[in-house]
């Protein structure tokens, strides 16, 4: 057999069974490791100036039965909404005593901005307290009531 005897290969898309997907399926959008300076803390060395927080957010919405190649963005959620919820925290002008309240602010922003949001997970690492070998922070998980 020579090279000229070979027929061109045209891959066909996989065909999935129509029963794929259930009402319990979700899309989990994620934005990770965005660093913002936020006025937060309870100790005197923390309260006079903003400190860097590394924030990651996961947001669950219900998934349609299938995402076709031409499915519009409206069938999912713009992950930039997650980024804006994080980056908007310093603009509020609050002193957040606890980083947990920063996480709640982000969750409230995402729940309030889209009724399809089912669950929000916010992880915050306090970079000023962390070293290269450790991560000091918390994770808040909220479900829509």
N, C-alpha and C. Protein backbone atom coordinates (compact mmCIF):
# COMPACT_ATOMS: atom_id res chain seq x y z
N UNK A 1 0.85 -1.18 0.00
CA UNK A 1 0.00 0.00 0.00
C UNK A 1 0.89 1.23 0.00
N UNK A 2 0.56 2.15 -0.82
CA UNK A 2 1.35 3.39 -0.89
C UNK A 2 0.54 4.53 -0.29
N UNK A 3 1.20 5.64 -0.09
CA UNK A 3 0.54 6.82 0.46
C UNK A 3 -0.61 7.26 -0.43
N UNK A 4 -0.47 7.13 -1.69
CA UNK A 4 -1.54 7.55 -2.62
C UNK A 4 -2.75 6.65 -2.55
N UNK A 5 -2.58 5.44 -1.99
CA UNK A 5 -3.71 4.52 -1.85
C UNK A 5 -4.58 4.84 -0.63
N UNK A 6 -4.07 5.65 0.29
CA UNK A 6 -4.81 5.96 1.50
C UNK A 6 -5.92 6.96 1.22
N UNK A 7 -7.05 6.73 1.80
CA UNK A 7 -8.17 7.67 1.68
C UNK A 7 -8.06 8.70 2.80
N UNK A 8 -8.45 9.93 2.52
CA UNK A 8 -8.42 10.94 3.58
C UNK A 8 -9.33 10.54 4.72
N UNK A 9 -8.87 10.80 5.93
CA UNK A 9 -9.64 10.47 7.13
C UNK A 9 -10.47 11.69 7.52
N UNK A 10 -11.75 11.50 7.61
CA UNK A 10 -12.65 12.58 8.04
C UNK A 10 -13.35 12.11 9.30
N UNK A 11 -12.87 12.57 10.46
CA UNK A 11 -13.49 12.11 11.71
C UNK A 11 -14.94 12.57 11.80
N UNK A 12 -15.77 11.70 12.30
CA UNK A 12 -17.17 12.03 12.51
C UNK A 12 -17.36 12.37 13.98
N UNK A 13 -18.24 13.30 14.27
CA UNK A 13 -18.48 13.61 15.69
C UNK A 13 -19.11 12.42 16.39
N UNK A 14 -18.77 12.28 17.65
CA UNK A 14 -19.38 11.22 18.45
C UNK A 14 -20.87 11.49 18.56
N UNK A 15 -21.64 10.44 18.53
CA UNK A 15 -23.08 10.57 18.68
C UNK A 15 -23.42 10.05 20.06
N UNK A 16 -23.99 10.92 20.87
CA UNK A 16 -24.34 10.55 22.23
C UNK A 16 -25.80 10.11 22.29
N UNK A 17 -26.07 9.23 23.21
CA UNK A 17 -27.44 8.75 23.38
C UNK A 17 -28.34 9.92 23.78
N UNK A 18 -29.54 9.99 23.24
CA UNK A 18 -30.43 11.11 23.55
C UNK A 18 -30.83 11.18 25.02
N UNK A 19 -30.70 10.08 25.75
CA UNK A 19 -31.07 10.11 27.16
C UNK A 19 -29.96 10.66 28.06
N UNK A 20 -28.84 11.07 27.47
CA UNK A 20 -27.76 11.66 28.26
C UNK A 20 -28.27 12.94 28.90
N UNK A 21 -27.91 13.13 30.15
CA UNK A 21 -28.32 14.33 30.86
C UNK A 21 -29.56 14.09 31.69
N UNK A 22 -29.56 14.67 32.90
CA UNK A 22 -30.71 14.55 33.80
C UNK A 22 -31.02 15.92 34.38
N UNK A 23 -32.12 16.01 35.07
CA UNK A 23 -32.51 17.26 35.71
C UNK A 23 -31.56 17.63 36.85
N UNK A 24 -30.75 16.70 37.31
CA UNK A 24 -29.81 16.97 38.41
C UNK A 24 -28.46 17.48 37.92
N UNK A 25 -28.24 17.49 36.62
CA UNK A 25 -26.95 17.91 36.07
C UNK A 25 -26.72 19.40 36.32
N UNK A 26 -25.46 19.74 36.52
CA UNK A 26 -25.10 21.14 36.75
C UNK A 26 -23.93 21.52 35.86
N UNK A 27 -23.77 22.81 35.70
CA UNK A 27 -22.57 23.40 35.13
C UNK A 27 -21.89 24.11 36.28
N UNK A 28 -20.63 23.79 36.50
CA UNK A 28 -19.87 24.46 37.56
C UNK A 28 -18.87 25.40 36.89
N UNK A 29 -19.12 26.68 37.03
CA UNK A 29 -18.21 27.69 36.50
C UNK A 29 -17.18 28.00 37.58
N UNK A 30 -15.95 28.24 37.18
CA UNK A 30 -14.89 28.49 38.14
C UNK A 30 -14.00 29.63 37.70
N UNK A 31 -13.67 30.48 38.65
CA UNK A 31 -12.66 31.52 38.47
C UNK A 31 -11.73 31.38 39.67
N UNK A 32 -10.43 31.25 39.41
CA UNK A 32 -9.50 30.93 40.48
C UNK A 32 -8.37 31.93 40.59
N UNK A 33 -7.95 32.12 41.84
CA UNK A 33 -6.70 32.80 42.17
C UNK A 33 -6.65 34.26 41.73
N UNK A 34 -7.74 34.98 41.90
CA UNK A 34 -7.74 36.42 41.64
C UNK A 34 -7.33 37.10 42.94
N UNK A 35 -6.33 37.96 42.86
CA UNK A 35 -5.84 38.66 44.04
C UNK A 35 -6.40 40.08 44.05
N UNK A 36 -7.06 40.42 45.15
CA UNK A 36 -7.58 41.78 45.35
C UNK A 36 -7.16 42.26 46.73
N UNK A 37 -6.96 43.56 46.85
CA UNK A 37 -6.64 44.16 48.15
C UNK A 37 -7.94 44.60 48.80
N UNK A 38 -8.19 44.08 50.01
CA UNK A 38 -9.44 44.33 50.71
C UNK A 38 -9.13 44.78 52.13
N UNK A 39 -9.87 45.76 52.60
CA UNK A 39 -9.73 46.21 53.99
C UNK A 39 -10.47 45.20 54.87
N UNK A 40 -9.71 44.37 55.55
CA UNK A 40 -10.29 43.31 56.37
C UNK A 40 -9.37 42.99 57.53
N UNK A 41 -9.93 42.40 58.58
CA UNK A 41 -9.13 41.95 59.71
C UNK A 41 -9.65 42.47 61.02
N UNK A 42 -9.17 41.84 62.11
CA UNK A 42 -9.57 42.24 63.45
C UNK A 42 -8.40 42.76 64.28
N UNK A 43 -7.19 42.42 63.86
CA UNK A 43 -6.01 42.85 64.62
C UNK A 43 -5.57 44.23 64.17
N UNK A 44 -4.98 44.99 65.07
CA UNK A 44 -4.61 46.37 64.76
C UNK A 44 -3.68 46.47 63.56
N UNK A 45 -2.82 45.49 63.39
CA UNK A 45 -1.91 45.54 62.24
C UNK A 45 -2.63 45.26 60.92
N UNK A 46 -3.88 44.79 60.99
CA UNK A 46 -4.63 44.47 59.78
C UNK A 46 -5.64 45.56 59.39
N UNK A 47 -6.06 46.36 60.35
CA UNK A 47 -7.23 47.21 60.12
C UNK A 47 -6.92 48.56 59.47
N UNK A 48 -5.68 48.94 59.37
CA UNK A 48 -5.37 50.28 58.86
C UNK A 48 -5.11 50.33 57.36
N UNK A 49 -4.90 49.21 56.74
CA UNK A 49 -4.67 49.21 55.29
C UNK A 49 -5.17 47.92 54.67
N UNK A 50 -5.54 47.98 53.39
CA UNK A 50 -6.02 46.77 52.73
C UNK A 50 -4.95 45.69 52.70
N UNK A 51 -5.39 44.45 52.71
CA UNK A 51 -4.45 43.33 52.60
C UNK A 51 -4.84 42.45 51.40
N UNK A 52 -3.86 41.80 50.82
CA UNK A 52 -4.15 40.98 49.63
C UNK A 52 -4.86 39.68 50.00
N UNK A 53 -5.92 39.41 49.27
CA UNK A 53 -6.66 38.16 49.41
C UNK A 53 -6.65 37.46 48.06
N UNK A 54 -6.38 36.16 48.07
CA UNK A 54 -6.49 35.36 46.85
C UNK A 54 -7.85 34.68 46.91
N UNK A 55 -8.70 35.00 45.94
CA UNK A 55 -10.08 34.53 45.97
C UNK A 55 -10.36 33.66 44.76
N UNK A 56 -11.02 32.52 45.02
CA UNK A 56 -11.48 31.62 43.98
C UNK A 56 -12.97 31.38 44.20
N UNK A 57 -13.72 31.31 43.11
CA UNK A 57 -15.18 31.14 43.20
C UNK A 57 -15.62 30.02 42.27
N UNK A 58 -16.52 29.19 42.78
CA UNK A 58 -17.22 28.18 41.96
C UNK A 58 -18.70 28.50 42.06
N UNK A 59 -19.38 28.37 40.95
CA UNK A 59 -20.79 28.73 40.88
C UNK A 59 -21.51 27.64 40.09
N UNK A 60 -22.54 27.04 40.67
CA UNK A 60 -23.30 25.98 40.01
C UNK A 60 -24.61 26.53 39.48
N UNK A 61 -24.92 26.17 38.24
CA UNK A 61 -26.23 26.44 37.66
C UNK A 61 -26.73 25.13 37.04
N UNK A 62 -28.04 25.05 36.85
CA UNK A 62 -28.61 23.86 36.22
C UNK A 62 -28.12 23.77 34.77
N UNK A 63 -27.82 22.56 34.35
CA UNK A 63 -27.35 22.33 32.99
C UNK A 63 -28.52 21.90 32.10
N UNK A 64 -28.53 22.38 30.87
CA UNK A 64 -29.54 21.85 29.94
C UNK A 64 -29.21 20.39 29.61
N UNK A 65 -30.13 19.72 28.97
CA UNK A 65 -29.90 18.30 28.64
C UNK A 65 -28.69 18.11 27.74
N UNK A 66 -28.38 19.09 26.95
CA UNK A 66 -27.25 18.95 26.04
C UNK A 66 -26.77 20.34 25.62
N UNK A 67 -25.46 20.47 25.42
CA UNK A 67 -24.87 21.66 24.83
C UNK A 67 -24.49 21.31 23.39
N UNK A 68 -25.24 21.82 22.46
CA UNK A 68 -24.94 21.61 21.05
C UNK A 68 -23.86 22.61 20.63
N UNK A 69 -23.21 22.39 19.49
CA UNK A 69 -22.17 23.33 19.06
C UNK A 69 -22.65 24.78 18.93
N UNK A 70 -23.92 24.98 18.63
CA UNK A 70 -24.43 26.34 18.46
C UNK A 70 -25.24 26.83 19.66
N UNK A 71 -25.10 26.17 20.81
CA UNK A 71 -25.82 26.59 22.01
C UNK A 71 -25.37 28.00 22.40
N UNK A 72 -26.30 28.93 22.63
CA UNK A 72 -25.92 30.30 22.98
C UNK A 72 -25.45 30.41 24.43
N UNK A 73 -24.73 31.49 24.72
CA UNK A 73 -24.24 31.74 26.07
C UNK A 73 -25.37 31.79 27.08
N UNK A 74 -26.55 32.19 26.68
CA UNK A 74 -27.67 32.28 27.61
C UNK A 74 -28.04 30.93 28.23
N UNK A 75 -27.57 29.83 27.65
CA UNK A 75 -27.83 28.51 28.22
C UNK A 75 -26.87 28.21 29.37
N UNK A 76 -25.86 29.03 29.52
CA UNK A 76 -24.91 28.89 30.63
C UNK A 76 -24.86 30.23 31.35
N UNK A 77 -23.71 30.57 31.87
CA UNK A 77 -23.53 31.85 32.57
C UNK A 77 -22.17 32.38 32.19
N UNK A 78 -22.08 33.66 32.04
CA UNK A 78 -20.80 34.28 31.71
C UNK A 78 -19.89 34.20 32.94
N UNK A 79 -18.78 33.51 32.82
CA UNK A 79 -17.88 33.37 33.97
C UNK A 79 -17.25 34.69 34.37
N UNK A 80 -17.33 35.69 33.51
CA UNK A 80 -16.84 37.02 33.88
C UNK A 80 -17.69 37.63 34.99
N UNK A 81 -18.94 37.16 35.15
CA UNK A 81 -19.76 37.60 36.28
C UNK A 81 -19.10 37.21 37.60
N UNK A 82 -18.47 36.04 37.63
CA UNK A 82 -17.77 35.61 38.84
C UNK A 82 -16.58 36.53 39.10
N UNK A 83 -15.85 36.82 38.05
CA UNK A 83 -14.69 37.71 38.19
C UNK A 83 -15.11 39.09 38.69
N UNK A 84 -16.18 39.63 38.11
CA UNK A 84 -16.66 40.95 38.53
C UNK A 84 -17.12 40.95 39.98
N UNK A 85 -17.73 39.85 40.43
CA UNK A 85 -18.17 39.76 41.83
C UNK A 85 -16.97 39.83 42.77
N UNK A 86 -15.86 39.23 42.37
CA UNK A 86 -14.64 39.28 43.18
C UNK A 86 -14.01 40.66 43.11
N UNK A 87 -13.80 41.16 41.91
CA UNK A 87 -13.09 42.42 41.74
C UNK A 87 -13.88 43.62 42.26
N UNK A 88 -15.20 43.46 42.43
CA UNK A 88 -16.01 44.55 42.95
C UNK A 88 -15.97 44.70 44.45
N UNK A 89 -15.42 43.74 45.17
CA UNK A 89 -15.40 43.79 46.64
C UNK A 89 -14.69 45.05 47.17
N UNK A 90 -13.48 45.38 46.71
CA UNK A 90 -12.82 46.56 47.26
C UNK A 90 -13.58 47.86 46.98
N UNK A 91 -14.34 47.90 45.91
CA UNK A 91 -15.07 49.11 45.53
C UNK A 91 -16.22 49.43 46.47
N UNK A 92 -16.60 48.50 47.34
CA UNK A 92 -17.72 48.73 48.24
C UNK A 92 -17.36 49.69 49.37
N UNK A 93 -16.06 49.82 49.66
CA UNK A 93 -15.62 50.75 50.69
C UNK A 93 -15.83 50.27 52.12
N UNK A 94 -16.17 49.01 52.30
CA UNK A 94 -16.39 48.46 53.64
C UNK A 94 -15.08 48.02 54.27
N UNK A 95 -15.05 48.02 55.60
CA UNK A 95 -14.04 47.26 56.33
C UNK A 95 -14.74 45.96 56.73
N UNK A 96 -14.28 44.87 56.18
CA UNK A 96 -14.85 43.55 56.49
C UNK A 96 -14.07 42.99 57.66
N UNK A 97 -14.72 42.86 58.81
CA UNK A 97 -14.03 42.33 59.97
C UNK A 97 -13.52 40.92 59.68
N UNK A 98 -14.37 40.08 59.13
CA UNK A 98 -14.01 38.70 58.82
C UNK A 98 -13.97 38.48 57.31
N UNK A 99 -13.06 37.64 56.86
CA UNK A 99 -13.05 37.31 55.43
C UNK A 99 -14.30 36.51 55.06
N UNK A 100 -14.93 35.88 56.04
CA UNK A 100 -16.19 35.20 55.78
C UNK A 100 -17.24 36.18 55.26
N UNK A 101 -17.21 37.42 55.74
CA UNK A 101 -18.17 38.41 55.24
C UNK A 101 -17.83 38.84 53.82
N UNK A 102 -16.57 38.80 53.45
CA UNK A 102 -16.17 39.04 52.05
C UNK A 102 -16.78 37.94 51.18
N UNK A 103 -16.65 36.69 51.64
CA UNK A 103 -17.20 35.56 50.89
C UNK A 103 -18.71 35.67 50.76
N UNK A 104 -19.39 36.06 51.83
CA UNK A 104 -20.85 36.23 51.77
C UNK A 104 -21.23 37.34 50.79
N UNK A 105 -20.47 38.40 50.76
CA UNK A 105 -20.74 39.49 49.82
C UNK A 105 -20.67 38.98 48.38
N UNK A 106 -19.66 38.18 48.08
CA UNK A 106 -19.51 37.62 46.73
C UNK A 106 -20.67 36.67 46.42
N UNK A 107 -21.02 35.81 47.38
CA UNK A 107 -22.14 34.88 47.17
C UNK A 107 -23.44 35.64 46.95
N UNK A 108 -23.69 36.67 47.76
CA UNK A 108 -24.91 37.47 47.61
C UNK A 108 -24.97 38.13 46.23
N UNK A 109 -23.82 38.62 45.77
CA UNK A 109 -23.76 39.26 44.46
C UNK A 109 -24.14 38.27 43.37
N UNK A 110 -23.63 37.05 43.45
CA UNK A 110 -23.92 36.05 42.42
C UNK A 110 -25.35 35.53 42.51
N UNK A 111 -25.85 35.30 43.72
CA UNK A 111 -27.24 34.86 43.87
C UNK A 111 -28.20 35.96 43.39
N UNK A 112 -27.92 37.19 43.77
CA UNK A 112 -28.79 38.31 43.41
C UNK A 112 -28.76 38.64 41.93
N UNK A 113 -27.66 38.34 41.28
CA UNK A 113 -27.52 38.68 39.87
C UNK A 113 -28.09 37.67 38.91
N UNK A 114 -28.43 36.47 39.38
CA UNK A 114 -28.90 35.44 38.46
C UNK A 114 -29.68 34.39 39.25
N UNK A 115 -30.96 34.29 38.99
CA UNK A 115 -31.81 33.33 39.72
C UNK A 115 -31.47 31.88 39.41
N UNK A 116 -30.69 31.64 38.35
CA UNK A 116 -30.31 30.26 38.01
C UNK A 116 -29.19 29.74 38.89
N UNK A 117 -28.51 30.61 39.63
CA UNK A 117 -27.39 30.18 40.48
C UNK A 117 -27.95 29.33 41.62
N UNK A 118 -27.47 28.10 41.70
CA UNK A 118 -27.93 27.14 42.70
C UNK A 118 -27.02 27.08 43.91
N UNK A 119 -25.73 27.25 43.69
CA UNK A 119 -24.74 27.09 44.76
C UNK A 119 -23.53 27.94 44.42
N UNK A 120 -22.95 28.52 45.46
CA UNK A 120 -21.72 29.31 45.31
C UNK A 120 -20.73 28.83 46.35
N UNK A 121 -19.49 28.65 45.92
CA UNK A 121 -18.39 28.29 46.82
C UNK A 121 -17.31 29.35 46.65
N UNK A 122 -16.93 29.96 47.76
CA UNK A 122 -15.91 31.01 47.74
C UNK A 122 -14.76 30.60 48.65
N UNK A 123 -13.57 30.54 48.08
CA UNK A 123 -12.37 30.24 48.86
C UNK A 123 -11.52 31.51 48.93
N UNK A 124 -11.09 31.85 50.15
CA UNK A 124 -10.27 33.04 50.35
C UNK A 124 -9.01 32.65 51.11
N UNK A 125 -7.87 33.05 50.57
CA UNK A 125 -6.58 32.84 51.21
C UNK A 125 -6.03 34.21 51.59
N UNK A 126 -5.67 34.35 52.86
CA UNK A 126 -5.07 35.61 53.33
C UNK A 126 -3.57 35.56 53.05
N UNK A 127 -3.17 36.21 51.98
CA UNK A 127 -1.78 36.13 51.53
C UNK A 127 -0.81 36.75 52.53
N UNK A 128 -1.25 37.75 53.27
CA UNK A 128 -0.35 38.40 54.24
C UNK A 128 0.01 37.45 55.38
N UNK A 129 -0.82 36.45 55.64
CA UNK A 129 -0.55 35.49 56.71
C UNK A 129 0.05 34.20 56.20
N UNK A 130 -0.05 33.95 54.91
CA UNK A 130 0.41 32.69 54.34
C UNK A 130 1.87 32.77 53.94
N UNK A 131 2.50 31.61 53.94
CA UNK A 131 3.86 31.51 53.44
C UNK A 131 3.83 30.66 52.18
N UNK A 132 4.96 30.46 51.58
CA UNK A 132 5.01 29.66 50.35
C UNK A 132 4.52 28.24 50.57
N UNK A 133 4.65 27.73 51.79
CA UNK A 133 4.32 26.32 52.05
C UNK A 133 2.91 26.13 52.62
N UNK A 134 2.22 27.21 52.93
CA UNK A 134 0.91 27.04 53.56
C UNK A 134 -0.09 28.02 52.98
N UNK A 135 -1.34 27.68 53.11
CA UNK A 135 -2.43 28.55 52.72
C UNK A 135 -3.32 28.75 53.93
N UNK A 136 -3.49 29.99 54.35
CA UNK A 136 -4.33 30.29 55.50
C UNK A 136 -5.56 31.02 54.99
N UNK A 137 -6.71 30.43 55.25
CA UNK A 137 -7.93 31.05 54.77
C UNK A 137 -9.14 30.21 55.09
N UNK A 138 -10.18 30.37 54.29
CA UNK A 138 -11.43 29.67 54.53
C UNK A 138 -12.17 29.46 53.24
N UNK A 139 -13.17 28.58 53.29
CA UNK A 139 -14.07 28.35 52.17
C UNK A 139 -15.50 28.41 52.68
N UNK A 140 -16.33 29.19 52.01
CA UNK A 140 -17.74 29.31 52.33
C UNK A 140 -18.54 28.68 51.20
N UNK A 141 -19.49 27.82 51.54
CA UNK A 141 -20.36 27.20 50.55
C UNK A 141 -21.79 27.57 50.91
N UNK A 142 -22.48 28.20 49.96
CA UNK A 142 -23.88 28.60 50.16
C UNK A 142 -24.74 28.01 49.06
N UNK A 143 -25.88 27.44 49.45
CA UNK A 143 -26.88 26.94 48.51
C UNK A 143 -28.03 27.94 48.46
N UNK A 144 -28.66 28.05 47.30
CA UNK A 144 -29.83 28.90 47.20
C UNK A 144 -30.93 28.29 48.08
N UNK A 145 -31.57 29.12 48.89
CA UNK A 145 -32.63 28.58 49.76
C UNK A 145 -33.80 28.05 48.97
